[in-house]
């Protein structure tokens, strides 16, 4: 399906915000492919054998987006920024659930062959990144948002600039600074 014009998406998003159910029905097929691409890019960063599939991530994110009653959609970039945030939350929740199960919660027995395939390290990485992003948000909320939109959302610098109402150069600076800060935080190489 060809990419719809951003103006048409914005019109549909605004109509949906105003309660037009028909706009939502028309919107879904227009954004579904982009949501799948967003999810696919995000899932490529996950471990092999991840139990959450791209389609499930898209569908779960879409259901959460449809439940957003308080959001006044501004434009396409705003929609995909919120979608990226939803996907982040879904993946973090999934990682937490996997960690809970790994520690005995649920007490389901898994055959040794299946257990050997599962790599819990990635779930721990997602949780560590989430904790580091929360810490970064306490120091600099905008930089944390830039990381979230770029890493989890796959948005370009221009799209992030549009969502955050800052210049693309500021996005680049924020990304570089946040990346350096997160590297130090996650690697344990804190400055003395």
N, C-alpha and C. Protein backbone atom coordinates (compact mmCIF):
# COMPACT_ATOMS: atom_id res chain seq x y z
N UNK A 1 0.85 -1.17 0.00
CA UNK A 1 0.00 0.00 0.00
C UNK A 1 0.89 1.23 0.00
N UNK A 2 0.62 2.23 -0.89
CA UNK A 2 1.43 3.43 -0.91
C UNK A 2 1.25 4.23 0.38
N UNK A 3 2.32 4.92 0.75
CA UNK A 3 2.26 5.73 1.96
C UNK A 3 1.30 6.89 1.75
N UNK A 4 0.30 7.03 2.64
CA UNK A 4 -0.65 8.13 2.48
C UNK A 4 0.02 9.46 2.81
N UNK A 5 -0.55 10.51 2.30
CA UNK A 5 -0.02 11.84 2.58
C UNK A 5 -0.17 12.15 4.06
N UNK A 6 0.86 12.79 4.64
CA UNK A 6 0.77 13.13 6.06
C UNK A 6 -0.45 13.98 6.40
N UNK A 7 -0.88 14.84 5.47
CA UNK A 7 -2.04 15.68 5.73
C UNK A 7 -3.30 14.84 5.91
N UNK A 8 -3.43 13.78 5.10
CA UNK A 8 -4.61 12.91 5.21
C UNK A 8 -4.60 12.18 6.55
N UNK A 9 -3.43 11.69 6.94
CA UNK A 9 -3.33 11.02 8.24
C UNK A 9 -3.68 12.00 9.36
N UNK A 10 -3.17 13.21 9.27
CA UNK A 10 -3.46 14.21 10.30
C UNK A 10 -4.96 14.48 10.37
N UNK A 11 -5.61 14.62 9.21
CA UNK A 11 -7.06 14.85 9.18
C UNK A 11 -7.81 13.70 9.87
N UNK A 12 -7.41 12.49 9.56
CA UNK A 12 -8.06 11.33 10.17
C UNK A 12 -7.80 11.26 11.67
N UNK A 13 -6.58 11.56 12.08
CA UNK A 13 -6.25 11.55 13.51
C UNK A 13 -7.06 12.58 14.28
N UNK A 14 -7.19 13.77 13.72
CA UNK A 14 -7.97 14.83 14.37
C UNK A 14 -9.44 14.42 14.44
N UNK A 15 -9.96 13.87 13.34
CA UNK A 15 -11.35 13.41 13.32
C UNK A 15 -11.56 12.31 14.36
N UNK A 16 -10.61 11.40 14.47
CA UNK A 16 -10.70 10.33 15.47
C UNK A 16 -10.71 10.93 16.87
N UNK A 17 -9.84 11.90 17.11
CA UNK A 17 -9.81 12.58 18.42
C UNK A 17 -11.15 13.21 18.74
N UNK A 18 -11.84 13.65 17.70
CA UNK A 18 -13.16 14.28 17.89
C UNK A 18 -14.28 13.25 18.00
N UNK A 19 -13.92 11.96 18.01
CA UNK A 19 -14.91 10.92 18.23
C UNK A 19 -15.47 10.26 16.99
N UNK A 20 -14.89 10.52 15.84
CA UNK A 20 -15.38 9.96 14.58
C UNK A 20 -14.84 8.53 14.42
N UNK A 21 -15.68 7.56 14.67
CA UNK A 21 -15.29 6.14 14.59
C UNK A 21 -14.93 5.75 13.16
N UNK A 22 -15.61 6.34 12.19
CA UNK A 22 -15.31 6.03 10.78
C UNK A 22 -13.88 6.44 10.43
N UNK A 23 -13.40 7.52 11.03
CA UNK A 23 -12.02 7.96 10.78
C UNK A 23 -11.04 6.90 11.28
N UNK A 24 -11.33 6.32 12.44
CA UNK A 24 -10.47 5.26 12.98
C UNK A 24 -10.46 4.06 12.04
N UNK A 25 -11.63 3.70 11.53
CA UNK A 25 -11.72 2.56 10.61
C UNK A 25 -10.93 2.82 9.33
N UNK A 26 -10.93 4.05 8.86
CA UNK A 26 -10.17 4.41 7.66
C UNK A 26 -8.68 4.53 7.96
N UNK A 27 -8.36 4.94 9.17
CA UNK A 27 -6.97 5.17 9.58
C UNK A 27 -6.18 3.87 9.69
N UNK A 28 -6.79 2.83 10.26
CA UNK A 28 -6.06 1.61 10.55
C UNK A 28 -5.33 1.03 9.34
N UNK A 29 -6.00 0.84 8.19
CA UNK A 29 -5.24 0.27 7.06
C UNK A 29 -4.12 1.19 6.57
N UNK A 30 -4.27 2.50 6.80
CA UNK A 30 -3.25 3.44 6.34
C UNK A 30 -1.99 3.41 7.20
N UNK A 31 -2.14 3.10 8.48
CA UNK A 31 -0.98 3.12 9.38
C UNK A 31 -0.44 1.73 9.69
N UNK A 32 -1.19 0.69 9.34
CA UNK A 32 -0.80 -0.66 9.74
C UNK A 32 0.58 -1.04 9.20
N UNK A 33 0.84 -0.77 7.92
CA UNK A 33 2.14 -1.13 7.35
C UNK A 33 3.28 -0.41 8.05
N UNK A 34 3.09 0.86 8.36
CA UNK A 34 4.14 1.61 9.07
C UNK A 34 4.32 1.09 10.49
N UNK A 35 3.22 0.72 11.14
CA UNK A 35 3.33 0.14 12.48
C UNK A 35 4.10 -1.18 12.41
N UNK A 36 3.84 -1.98 11.38
CA UNK A 36 4.58 -3.25 11.22
C UNK A 36 6.06 -3.00 11.00
N UNK A 37 6.40 -1.99 10.18
CA UNK A 37 7.81 -1.65 9.95
C UNK A 37 8.46 -1.21 11.25
N UNK A 38 7.77 -0.40 12.02
CA UNK A 38 8.26 0.07 13.30
C UNK A 38 8.51 -1.12 14.23
N UNK A 39 7.55 -2.02 14.30
CA UNK A 39 7.68 -3.21 15.15
C UNK A 39 8.79 -4.12 14.64
N UNK A 40 8.87 -4.28 13.33
CA UNK A 40 9.90 -5.15 12.75
C UNK A 40 11.29 -4.62 13.09
N UNK A 41 11.49 -3.30 12.95
CA UNK A 41 12.80 -2.72 13.29
C UNK A 41 13.11 -2.96 14.77
N UNK A 42 12.10 -2.81 15.61
CA UNK A 42 12.30 -2.99 17.04
C UNK A 42 12.60 -4.45 17.38
N UNK A 43 11.89 -5.37 16.72
CA UNK A 43 12.06 -6.78 17.02
C UNK A 43 13.40 -7.31 16.51
N UNK A 44 13.98 -6.66 15.50
CA UNK A 44 15.31 -7.07 15.03
C UNK A 44 16.35 -6.91 16.12
N UNK A 45 16.11 -6.01 17.04
CA UNK A 45 17.05 -5.77 18.14
C UNK A 45 16.88 -6.76 19.28
N UNK A 46 15.83 -7.55 19.21
CA UNK A 46 15.56 -8.52 20.27
C UNK A 46 16.33 -9.80 20.02
N UNK A 47 16.37 -10.64 21.02
CA UNK A 47 17.10 -11.91 20.91
C UNK A 47 16.40 -12.87 19.97
N UNK A 48 17.17 -13.82 19.45
CA UNK A 48 16.61 -14.89 18.63
C UNK A 48 15.62 -15.68 19.49
N UNK A 49 14.56 -16.14 18.90
CA UNK A 49 13.60 -16.97 19.64
C UNK A 49 12.72 -16.18 20.58
N UNK A 50 12.65 -14.87 20.41
CA UNK A 50 11.78 -14.04 21.26
C UNK A 50 10.36 -14.56 21.15
N UNK A 51 9.67 -14.67 22.26
CA UNK A 51 8.33 -15.25 22.24
C UNK A 51 7.27 -14.26 21.76
N UNK A 52 7.60 -12.99 21.71
CA UNK A 52 6.67 -11.99 21.20
C UNK A 52 6.97 -11.78 19.72
N UNK A 53 5.99 -11.91 18.88
CA UNK A 53 6.16 -11.77 17.44
C UNK A 53 5.79 -10.36 16.99
N UNK A 54 6.28 -9.98 15.82
CA UNK A 54 6.02 -8.65 15.26
C UNK A 54 4.53 -8.35 15.19
N UNK A 55 3.76 -9.29 14.66
CA UNK A 55 2.32 -9.08 14.53
C UNK A 55 1.67 -8.88 15.89
N UNK A 56 2.08 -9.65 16.86
CA UNK A 56 1.52 -9.50 18.21
C UNK A 56 1.88 -8.13 18.79
N UNK A 57 3.11 -7.69 18.55
CA UNK A 57 3.53 -6.38 19.04
C UNK A 57 2.70 -5.27 18.38
N UNK A 58 2.50 -5.37 17.07
CA UNK A 58 1.69 -4.37 16.35
C UNK A 58 0.26 -4.38 16.88
N UNK A 59 -0.32 -5.55 16.98
CA UNK A 59 -1.71 -5.64 17.42
C UNK A 59 -1.90 -5.13 18.85
N UNK A 60 -0.98 -5.50 19.73
CA UNK A 60 -1.07 -5.03 21.12
C UNK A 60 -0.92 -3.51 21.18
N UNK A 61 0.05 -2.99 20.43
CA UNK A 61 0.25 -1.53 20.40
C UNK A 61 -0.98 -0.84 19.83
N UNK A 62 -1.54 -1.40 18.77
CA UNK A 62 -2.72 -0.79 18.16
C UNK A 62 -3.90 -0.79 19.14
N UNK A 63 -4.10 -1.89 19.84
CA UNK A 63 -5.20 -1.94 20.81
C UNK A 63 -5.00 -0.89 21.92
N UNK A 64 -3.77 -0.72 22.35
CA UNK A 64 -3.50 0.32 23.36
C UNK A 64 -3.71 1.72 22.79
N UNK A 65 -3.34 1.91 21.52
CA UNK A 65 -3.55 3.21 20.89
C UNK A 65 -5.03 3.53 20.76
N UNK A 66 -5.81 2.53 20.38
CA UNK A 66 -7.25 2.75 20.23
C UNK A 66 -7.88 3.11 21.57
N UNK A 67 -7.33 2.59 22.65
CA UNK A 67 -7.84 2.90 23.99
C UNK A 67 -7.50 4.31 24.47
N UNK A 68 -6.63 4.99 23.76
CA UNK A 68 -6.23 6.34 24.17
C UNK A 68 -7.39 7.31 23.95
N UNK A 69 -8.08 7.63 24.99
CA UNK A 69 -9.23 8.53 24.88
C UNK A 69 -8.86 9.98 25.17
N UNK A 70 -7.79 10.19 25.90
CA UNK A 70 -7.42 11.54 26.32
C UNK A 70 -6.45 12.23 25.36
N UNK A 71 -5.99 11.51 24.35
CA UNK A 71 -4.98 12.07 23.46
C UNK A 71 -5.64 12.93 22.39
N UNK A 72 -5.12 14.12 22.20
CA UNK A 72 -5.51 14.99 21.09
C UNK A 72 -4.43 14.82 20.04
N UNK A 73 -4.67 13.97 19.06
CA UNK A 73 -3.67 13.69 18.04
C UNK A 73 -3.36 14.95 17.27
N UNK A 74 -2.05 15.24 17.11
CA UNK A 74 -1.63 16.44 16.42
C UNK A 74 -1.29 16.17 14.96
N UNK A 75 -0.59 15.07 14.71
CA UNK A 75 -0.15 14.76 13.36
C UNK A 75 0.41 13.34 13.32
N UNK A 76 0.88 12.95 12.15
CA UNK A 76 1.44 11.62 11.94
C UNK A 76 2.59 11.33 12.89
N UNK A 77 3.53 12.28 13.01
CA UNK A 77 4.69 12.06 13.87
C UNK A 77 4.26 11.85 15.32
N UNK A 78 3.28 12.59 15.78
CA UNK A 78 2.77 12.44 17.14
C UNK A 78 2.20 11.04 17.33
N UNK A 79 1.42 10.57 16.36
CA UNK A 79 0.83 9.24 16.43
C UNK A 79 1.92 8.16 16.54
N UNK A 80 2.93 8.25 15.68
CA UNK A 80 3.97 7.22 15.69
C UNK A 80 4.89 7.35 16.91
N UNK A 81 5.01 8.54 17.46
CA UNK A 81 5.76 8.70 18.70
C UNK A 81 5.05 7.98 19.84
N UNK A 82 3.74 8.13 19.91
CA UNK A 82 2.97 7.43 20.95
C UNK A 82 3.01 5.93 20.69
N UNK A 83 2.95 5.53 19.42
CA UNK A 83 3.04 4.10 19.08
C UNK A 83 4.38 3.53 19.54
N UNK A 84 5.46 4.29 19.34
CA UNK A 84 6.78 3.84 19.78
C UNK A 84 6.82 3.67 21.30
N UNK A 85 6.21 4.61 21.98
CA UNK A 85 6.15 4.53 23.45
C UNK A 85 5.36 3.29 23.89
N UNK A 86 4.27 3.02 23.20
CA UNK A 86 3.46 1.83 23.52
C UNK A 86 4.28 0.55 23.29
N UNK A 87 5.01 0.50 22.18
CA UNK A 87 5.82 -0.68 21.89
C UNK A 87 6.90 -0.86 22.95
N UNK A 88 7.49 0.23 23.39
CA UNK A 88 8.49 0.15 24.46
C UNK A 88 7.86 -0.45 25.71
N UNK A 89 6.70 0.05 26.09
CA UNK A 89 6.03 -0.45 27.29
C UNK A 89 5.69 -1.93 27.16
N UNK A 90 5.22 -2.32 25.99
CA UNK A 90 4.87 -3.73 25.76
C UNK A 90 6.10 -4.61 25.91
N UNK A 91 7.22 -4.20 25.30
CA UNK A 91 8.44 -5.00 25.38
C UNK A 91 8.99 -5.05 26.80
N UNK A 92 8.92 -3.94 27.52
CA UNK A 92 9.38 -3.92 28.91
C UNK A 92 8.49 -4.81 29.77
N UNK A 93 7.17 -4.70 29.59
CA UNK A 93 6.25 -5.56 30.34
C UNK A 93 6.51 -7.03 30.02
N UNK A 94 6.77 -7.32 28.75
CA UNK A 94 7.06 -8.69 28.34
C UNK A 94 8.35 -9.18 29.00
N UNK A 95 9.37 -8.32 29.02
CA UNK A 95 10.65 -8.69 29.64
C UNK A 95 10.47 -8.91 31.14
N UNK A 96 9.68 -8.05 31.78
CA UNK A 96 9.43 -8.24 33.22
C UNK A 96 8.71 -9.56 33.48
N UNK A 97 7.74 -9.87 32.64
CA UNK A 97 7.01 -11.12 32.79
C UNK A 97 7.95 -12.31 32.60
N UNK A 98 8.84 -12.21 31.60
CA UNK A 98 9.81 -13.29 31.37
C UNK A 98 10.74 -13.44 32.57
N UNK A 99 11.18 -12.31 33.12
CA UNK A 99 12.04 -12.35 34.30
C UNK A 99 11.31 -12.97 35.47
N UNK A 100 10.05 -12.63 35.65
CA UNK A 100 9.23 -13.19 36.71
C UNK A 100 9.12 -14.70 36.54
N UNK A 101 8.85 -15.12 35.31
CA UNK A 101 8.73 -16.55 35.04
C UNK A 101 10.07 -17.26 35.25
N UNK A 102 11.15 -16.59 34.85
CA UNK A 102 12.48 -17.18 34.99
C UNK A 102 12.80 -17.43 36.46
N UNK A 103 12.28 -16.59 37.31
CA UNK A 103 12.55 -16.71 38.74
C UNK A 103 11.55 -17.62 39.45
N UNK A 104 10.74 -18.34 38.67
CA UNK A 104 9.85 -19.33 39.29
C UNK A 104 8.40 -18.92 39.30
N UNK A 105 8.08 -17.68 38.96
CA UNK A 105 6.68 -17.26 38.92
C UNK A 105 5.93 -18.05 37.88
N UNK A 106 4.73 -18.45 38.17
CA UNK A 106 3.97 -19.24 37.22
C UNK A 106 4.29 -20.72 37.30
N UNK A 107 5.48 -21.07 37.72
CA UNK A 107 5.93 -22.44 37.97
C UNK A 107 5.60 -23.42 36.85
N UNK A 108 5.62 -22.96 35.62
CA UNK A 108 5.41 -23.88 34.49
C UNK A 108 6.72 -24.59 34.19
N UNK A 109 6.64 -25.89 33.96
CA UNK A 109 7.83 -26.66 33.64
C UNK A 109 8.09 -26.59 32.15
N UNK A 110 9.34 -26.31 31.80
CA UNK A 110 9.73 -26.20 30.39
C UNK A 110 10.73 -27.30 30.10
N UNK A 111 10.52 -28.02 29.00
CA UNK A 111 11.51 -29.05 28.64
C UNK A 111 12.89 -28.42 28.44
N UNK A 112 13.91 -29.19 28.76
CA UNK A 112 15.28 -28.70 28.68
C UNK A 112 15.62 -28.18 27.30
N UNK A 113 15.14 -28.83 26.25
CA UNK A 113 15.45 -28.40 24.89
C UNK A 113 14.92 -26.98 24.64
N UNK A 114 13.71 -26.70 25.11
CA UNK A 114 13.13 -25.37 24.91
C UNK A 114 13.86 -24.34 25.77
N UNK A 115 14.21 -24.71 26.97
CA UNK A 115 14.89 -23.79 27.87
C UNK A 115 16.25 -23.38 27.32
N UNK A 116 16.92 -24.30 26.62
CA UNK A 116 18.23 -23.99 26.07
C UNK A 116 18.14 -22.93 24.98
N UNK A 117 17.00 -22.86 24.31
CA UNK A 117 16.82 -21.90 23.22
C UNK A 117 16.60 -20.49 23.76
N UNK A 118 16.00 -20.36 24.90
CA UNK A 118 15.64 -19.05 25.45
C UNK A 118 16.88 -18.34 25.98
N UNK A 119 16.99 -17.08 25.61
CA UNK A 119 18.11 -16.27 26.09
C UNK A 119 17.57 -15.15 26.95
N UNK A 120 17.66 -15.33 28.26
CA UNK A 120 17.10 -14.34 29.16
C UNK A 120 17.92 -13.06 29.22
N UNK A 121 19.14 -13.10 28.74
CA UNK A 121 20.00 -11.93 28.78
C UNK A 121 19.38 -10.71 28.12
N UNK A 122 18.66 -10.92 27.03
CA UNK A 122 18.05 -9.80 26.32
C UNK A 122 16.96 -9.15 27.17
N UNK A 123 16.18 -9.94 27.88
CA UNK A 123 15.15 -9.39 28.76
C UNK A 123 15.79 -8.52 29.83
N UNK A 124 16.90 -8.98 30.37
CA UNK A 124 17.61 -8.19 31.38
C UNK A 124 18.13 -6.89 30.78
N UNK A 125 18.60 -6.95 29.52
CA UNK A 125 19.08 -5.74 28.85
C UNK A 125 17.97 -4.71 28.67
N UNK A 126 16.79 -5.18 28.28
CA UNK A 126 15.66 -4.27 28.10
C UNK A 126 15.29 -3.63 29.42
N UNK A 127 15.26 -4.42 30.47
CA UNK A 127 14.93 -3.87 31.79
C UNK A 127 15.99 -2.87 32.24
N UNK A 128 17.26 -3.19 32.00
CA UNK A 128 18.33 -2.25 32.37
C UNK A 128 18.22 -0.96 31.57
N UNK A 129 17.93 -1.07 30.28
CA UNK A 129 17.76 0.12 29.46
C UNK A 129 16.57 0.94 29.95
N UNK A 130 15.48 0.27 30.29
CA UNK A 130 14.31 0.98 30.79
C UNK A 130 14.64 1.72 32.08
N UNK A 131 15.34 1.06 33.00
CA UNK A 131 15.73 1.71 34.25
C UNK A 131 16.66 2.90 33.98
N UNK A 132 17.59 2.72 33.04
CA UNK A 132 18.50 3.82 32.71
C UNK A 132 17.73 4.98 32.07
N UNK A 133 16.75 4.68 31.23
CA UNK A 133 15.94 5.74 30.62
C UNK A 133 15.13 6.49 31.67
N UNK A 134 14.61 5.77 32.64
CA UNK A 134 13.88 6.43 33.73
C UNK A 134 14.83 7.36 34.50
N UNK A 135 16.04 6.89 34.77
CA UNK A 135 17.03 7.73 35.45
C UNK A 135 17.41 8.94 34.60
N UNK A 136 17.59 8.74 33.31
CA UNK A 136 17.90 9.85 32.41
C UNK A 136 16.76 10.85 32.37
N UNK A 137 15.53 10.36 32.37
CA UNK A 137 14.36 11.25 32.34
C UNK A 137 14.31 12.15 33.57
N UNK A 138 14.80 11.65 34.70
CA UNK A 138 14.84 12.48 35.90
C UNK A 138 15.85 13.61 35.76
N UNK A 139 16.91 13.35 35.00
CA UNK A 139 17.96 14.36 34.79
C UNK A 139 17.60 15.26 33.62
N UNK A 140 17.18 14.64 32.51
CA UNK A 140 16.87 15.40 31.29
C UNK A 140 15.79 14.65 30.52
N UNK A 141 14.55 15.06 30.74
CA UNK A 141 13.40 14.37 30.15
C UNK A 141 13.42 14.41 28.63
N UNK A 142 13.85 15.53 28.05
CA UNK A 142 13.86 15.64 26.59
C UNK A 142 14.82 14.64 25.96
N UNK A 143 16.01 14.51 26.53
CA UNK A 143 16.98 13.56 25.98
C UNK A 143 16.47 12.13 26.10
N UNK A 144 15.81 11.82 27.19
CA UNK A 144 15.24 10.48 27.35
C UNK A 144 14.16 10.24 26.30
N UNK A 145 13.39 11.25 26.02
CA UNK A 145 12.33 11.15 25.01
C UNK A 145 12.94 10.96 23.61
N UNK A 146 14.05 11.65 23.32
CA UNK A 146 14.73 11.49 22.04
C UNK A 146 15.18 10.04 21.88
N UNK A 147 15.75 9.46 22.93
CA UNK A 147 16.20 8.06 22.87
C UNK A 147 15.00 7.15 22.63
N UNK A 148 13.95 7.37 23.36
CA UNK A 148 12.76 6.54 23.22
C UNK A 148 12.21 6.60 21.79
N UNK A 149 12.09 7.80 21.25
CA UNK A 149 11.54 7.96 19.91
C UNK A 149 12.45 7.38 18.83
N UNK A 150 13.74 7.50 19.03
CA UNK A 150 14.67 6.99 18.02
C UNK A 150 14.89 5.49 18.17
N UNK A 151 15.18 5.04 19.38
CA UNK A 151 15.52 3.64 19.59
C UNK A 151 14.29 2.75 19.50
N UNK A 152 13.24 3.10 20.23
CA UNK A 152 12.05 2.27 20.25
C UNK A 152 11.10 2.59 19.09
N UNK A 153 11.12 3.84 18.65
CA UNK A 153 10.17 4.25 17.62
C UNK A 153 10.71 4.25 16.23
N UNK A 154 12.04 4.30 16.08
CA UNK A 154 12.62 4.33 14.76
C UNK A 154 12.33 5.61 14.00
N UNK A 155 11.96 6.68 14.72
CA UNK A 155 11.68 7.95 14.07
C UNK A 155 12.98 8.61 13.63
N UNK A 156 12.89 9.36 12.55
CA UNK A 156 14.06 10.10 12.06
C UNK A 156 14.26 11.35 12.92
N UNK A 157 15.42 11.98 12.79
CA UNK A 157 15.68 13.21 13.54
C UNK A 157 14.64 14.28 13.22
N UNK A 158 14.24 14.36 11.95
CA UNK A 158 13.26 15.36 11.55
C UNK A 158 11.91 15.08 12.20
N UNK A 159 11.51 13.81 12.25
CA UNK A 159 10.24 13.45 12.88
C UNK A 159 10.28 13.71 14.38
N UNK A 160 11.41 13.38 15.00
CA UNK A 160 11.56 13.65 16.43
C UNK A 160 11.50 15.14 16.69
N UNK A 161 12.17 15.92 15.85
CA UNK A 161 12.15 17.38 16.00
C UNK A 161 10.72 17.90 15.90
N UNK A 162 9.96 17.34 14.99
CA UNK A 162 8.56 17.76 14.83
C UNK A 162 7.74 17.42 16.07
N UNK A 163 7.92 16.22 16.60
CA UNK A 163 7.16 15.80 17.79
C UNK A 163 7.53 16.65 18.99
N UNK A 164 8.82 16.88 19.19
CA UNK A 164 9.28 17.61 20.38
C UNK A 164 9.35 19.12 20.19
N UNK A 165 9.10 19.56 18.95
CA UNK A 165 9.11 20.99 18.62
C UNK A 165 10.47 21.63 18.94
N UNK A 166 11.51 20.93 18.45
CA UNK A 166 12.89 21.43 18.55
C UNK A 166 13.53 21.26 17.18
N UNK A 167 14.74 21.77 17.01
CA UNK A 167 15.40 21.65 15.71
C UNK A 167 16.04 20.26 15.55
N UNK A 168 16.22 19.82 14.31
CA UNK A 168 16.90 18.54 14.07
C UNK A 168 18.33 18.54 14.63
N UNK A 169 19.01 19.69 14.62
CA UNK A 169 20.35 19.75 15.20
C UNK A 169 20.31 19.51 16.71
N UNK A 170 19.30 20.03 17.36
CA UNK A 170 19.15 19.79 18.80
C UNK A 170 18.88 18.32 19.05
N UNK A 171 18.09 17.69 18.19
CA UNK A 171 17.84 16.25 18.31
C UNK A 171 19.15 15.48 18.22
N UNK A 172 19.99 15.84 17.24
CA UNK A 172 21.28 15.17 17.07
C UNK A 172 22.15 15.33 18.31
N UNK A 173 22.22 16.54 18.83
CA UNK A 173 23.02 16.78 20.06
C UNK A 173 22.46 15.98 21.23
N UNK A 174 21.14 16.03 21.40
CA UNK A 174 20.52 15.29 22.50
C UNK A 174 20.77 13.79 22.37
N UNK A 175 20.66 13.26 21.15
CA UNK A 175 20.90 11.84 20.91
C UNK A 175 22.33 11.47 21.28
N UNK A 176 23.29 12.26 20.84
CA UNK A 176 24.69 11.96 21.13
C UNK A 176 24.98 12.02 22.62
N UNK A 177 24.46 13.04 23.28
CA UNK A 177 24.69 13.17 24.73
C UNK A 177 23.99 12.04 25.49
N UNK A 178 22.77 11.74 25.12
CA UNK A 178 22.02 10.69 25.81
C UNK A 178 22.68 9.33 25.60
N UNK A 179 23.13 9.09 24.38
CA UNK A 179 23.79 7.82 24.08
C UNK A 179 25.05 7.65 24.93
N UNK A 180 25.83 8.71 25.05
CA UNK A 180 27.04 8.65 25.87
C UNK A 180 26.68 8.41 27.34
N UNK A 181 25.67 9.11 27.81
CA UNK A 181 25.25 8.96 29.21
C UNK A 181 24.76 7.53 29.46
N UNK A 182 23.94 7.02 28.53
CA UNK A 182 23.42 5.66 28.70
C UNK A 182 24.53 4.62 28.65
N UNK A 183 25.52 4.85 27.78
CA UNK A 183 26.65 3.91 27.71
C UNK A 183 27.35 3.84 29.07
N UNK A 184 27.61 5.01 29.64
CA UNK A 184 28.26 5.03 30.95
C UNK A 184 27.39 4.36 32.01
N UNK A 185 26.11 4.65 31.97
CA UNK A 185 25.19 4.09 32.95
C UNK A 185 25.08 2.57 32.83
N UNK A 186 24.98 2.08 31.62
CA UNK A 186 24.78 0.65 31.41
C UNK A 186 26.07 -0.16 31.51
N UNK A 187 27.19 0.46 31.20
CA UNK A 187 28.46 -0.27 31.26
C UNK A 187 29.12 -0.19 32.62
N UNK A 188 28.59 0.68 33.46
CA UNK A 188 29.17 0.84 34.79
C UNK A 188 30.42 1.68 34.80
N UNK A 189 30.72 2.36 33.70
CA UNK A 189 31.91 3.20 33.60
C UNK A 189 31.56 4.64 33.95
N UNK A 190 31.18 4.85 35.19
CA UNK A 190 30.81 6.20 35.63
C UNK A 190 32.04 7.03 35.86
N UNK A 191 31.91 8.32 35.54
CA UNK A 191 33.04 9.24 35.77
C UNK A 191 33.20 9.50 37.24
N UNK A 192 34.43 9.60 37.68
CA UNK A 192 34.71 9.87 39.09
C UNK A 192 34.74 11.36 39.32
